[in-house]
Amino acid sequence: MATAQEKTTPCCAPQQPHKTAPISSSSSSQQPPRSSVSTFISAIDSPPKPASTTKGITVMVKAQTSHPLDPLSAAEISVAVATVRAAGATPEVRDSMRFIGVDLVEPEKQVVALADAYFFPPFQPSLLPRTKGGPMIPTKLPPRKARLVVYNKKSNETSIWIVELREVHATTRGGHHRGKVVSSTVVPDVQPPMDAVEYAECEAVVKDFPPFREAMKKRGIEDLDLVMVDPWCAGYHSEVDAPSRRLAKPLIFCRTESDCPMENGYARPVEGIHVLVDMQNMVVLEFEDRKLVPLPPADPLRNYTSGETRGGVDRSDVKPLQIVQPEGPSFRVNGHFIEWQKWNFRIGFTPREGLVIHSVAYIDGNRGRRPVAHRLSFVEMVVPYGDPNDPHYRKNAFDAGEDGLGKNAHSLKRGCDCLGYIKYFDAHFTNFYGGVETIENCVCLHEEDHGILWKHQDWRTGLAEVRRSRRLTVSFICTVANYEYGFYWHFYQDGKIEAEVKLTGILSLGALQPGETRKYGTTIAPGLYAPVHQHFFVARMDMAVDCKPGEAFNQVIEMNVKVEEPGDNNVHNNAFYAEEKLLKSELEAMRDCDPLSARHWIVRNTRTVNRTGHLTGYKLVPGSNCLPLAGSEAKFLRRAAFLKHNLWVTPYARDEMHPGGEFPNQNPRVGEGLATWVKQNRSLEEADIVLWYVFGITHIPRLEDWPVMPVERIGFMLMPHGFFNCSPAVDVPPNQSDLDDKEHGLPTKPPIQNGLIAKL
């Protein structure tokens, strides 16, 4: 990800297509055991190597220009891909390489601390522990590394490569870059995520298959250009879905008009056809025309474009709304480092997760920089459907692990996706063949007005104080087939952090026989119904409440409100109180939401207290939530056992990143990932805590969700709980418009008559 030019106009940048340059890839990180800060200092505090010569090429040590947590640049991705390709044993192996993803190998937390202490502004030596005789300042940081997931199309093997991005060969302008392969490992019995290139090839193969063309003719479809083939990963329902083959089971749709680029093709599902495609060899393995379901008639309300192109008229009474910041924004940006209203953090981006927030901290007066979290991201999402009929029973997409949220992100559009004074960040990733693609304006950073922050009026004097709430929002939006998802992290002036997901897009529909209805969905047009389904998201929060890198002084408390039993302590039968429970181990910390007891969870520092002597903390406050509405033997729960609870807590481990395992596509292993890790039942009483919060929404479609679904919002809050000695919002200044009113003599409070507020 690279920073885009800061915009000085009060709106977003225009949408840009993906740009393709030569070679690249993506995934999560390979991780050695944890080490102390001193170990890292001694390991890297050696003089830089002098320039050397290899085959007449001068090799110079690359200057430290990228922070250890900066996303890989386009050049680094190219280096990583070229290095892996060059390491292929034979030309055949090299030609068969397909690049699923290239990620930064995120370094140990102590390396990040060294970088923030001495190498990158704002230079924070306090991050490192004090040592006798003063700190040992290293001369350089370890080289950055990339981790590549590579699929061999010929052998059907998946491998993981680690490449060191240390040296730059400087010869001429056309000189080449080379990295160093640190390791390569073949991962057996897995299938990596699918790629857009494969989806396009699959559609072409199916549409060219003679039995398929004949089936379309039986349904009155002569123009195959109208047909849409949406490949869906096969999931895992039985041994026939085993990862020894790379499989897709497409869904079929048919547009009504060929000359409309925004025609809603999802309005006409083609049902009764079973197709199984070998994605490795791009051949149709199975085809069966099982049932002739009539093609739904063209719905006149199917399209969602503006005005006449939709066949309707747009509203004419919407007046312009402009967000103006004449003095610019209140945030400051240095590379990927953000400072705003006492908050500071770093922005990252991966092809799988999309937006990542690193090193979140709050500057708290004379207490200085106080860490809150080391890493925040959305690591997985699952969409199970509730219709037991074919093909809907097998619709249970893992949109992060099977596709990639980051790789499906948008270039954000001027004036629509974001408003105000915007700072954009571009994102870089690899395509299937190793080329580097850039999504311009992929991540949006801007301020928003958020209503009232706080207010009080003294009824005796009529004097009032009110403050507007402003929040800093970091976001990106992605499309996975028919659905859109917006992912947002909001930072508030009172110390809160809000995680929010916005769901919109188009419903995935089914076709009905004449006169047929189904209780597993909503009929939204003649011959059309929308099945019930759920959306689940998993937020992984590597917490660090008042903990410096390398410290493990956090624990998790569950809070439940209890009603006091009648008796001497509750003679008026009105008493209730909050009861604390320490979650001592992983198995104890598998918890569910309970709104009836106002249940929430607090991450506390075991060694830092506030002015009342209580431990400082941040609490996770659930929003609306649900659990899977499926039987315990549901097939999708084999791969998504992490959905069985709303909260999981683990001690930090570098290789524990994906709650369903790294490769959920066609995964035959039951409960891989989070549900298996917690069986170790590791202690949480004083640890480096990672929260895994699972939150979801049950969607019972309405007619009002058609043809495009208005945004639905779900999420949760991280709120300070005894972290500050008083409200951090009390020093927020009045809004400028209030001051302007006073300057112009406008009334700011009602007059007083006989101790009562007079009516104006």
Foldseek 3Di string as FASTA:
>chain_A
DFWDDFDPFFKAAAFDDKDWDDFFAFFEADDDDDDDLVVQQVVQQDDDDCWDADPNWTKDWDDPDDQLFAWDDQQRRRQVGVQVLVPQPDPLQSQQKWWHGKTKRRDAQSLNLLCQQPPDPPHNVVLHDADPPGDDRGPDGAFIKMWTWIARLVQRWIKIWIWGQTIQGDDPPPGHGHIHTPDMGIDPFFHFADAPVLQVLLLVQQLPDVVSCVLCVVQVDNDSLQKDWGWDFQFADDPVLTSVFGKTWTWMWGFDDDPQPQTQRLVWTFDQWTWMARSSVGHTPDIDNGDHAHTFPDDLQQGDDAAVSSPHHDDDPDDDDAADDPVAAQWDDDTQWIDHLQWIWGWYAGQQFGIKTAFIWGQDPPVGTWTWFGIKTWHWKWKQFDDPDPPRNSRIDTCRRRYGQNNQWTQDRIPPPDGGRWIFGKDWIAHGSGIIIIRGRFKIKDKDWDAWPDKDADQQFQDMDTATKMKIKIWIWGDDVFKIKIWIWIATNQGKIWTKIKIKGAANKDFDHVPDDDPQFADQDHRITGGWMKMKIKMKTQTAGRHRRPFFFKWKKKKFKDQDDDDPVCVPSPDIDIDIDTQWWQVSFQAADDVVRQIKMWIWGNPDAFPVRHTWTKIKGFDDFDADPDDPVRSNCQQVVVRRGFKTKDADDSLQRHQSDNRSRSRPHGRPGPSVVRVVGDTRNTGSMMMIGMGMDIDRDDSCPPPMHGIDMGIIMIGIDNNHNDGSCPPRDHDVVVVVCVVVVHDPGAHDDPSGGDDD
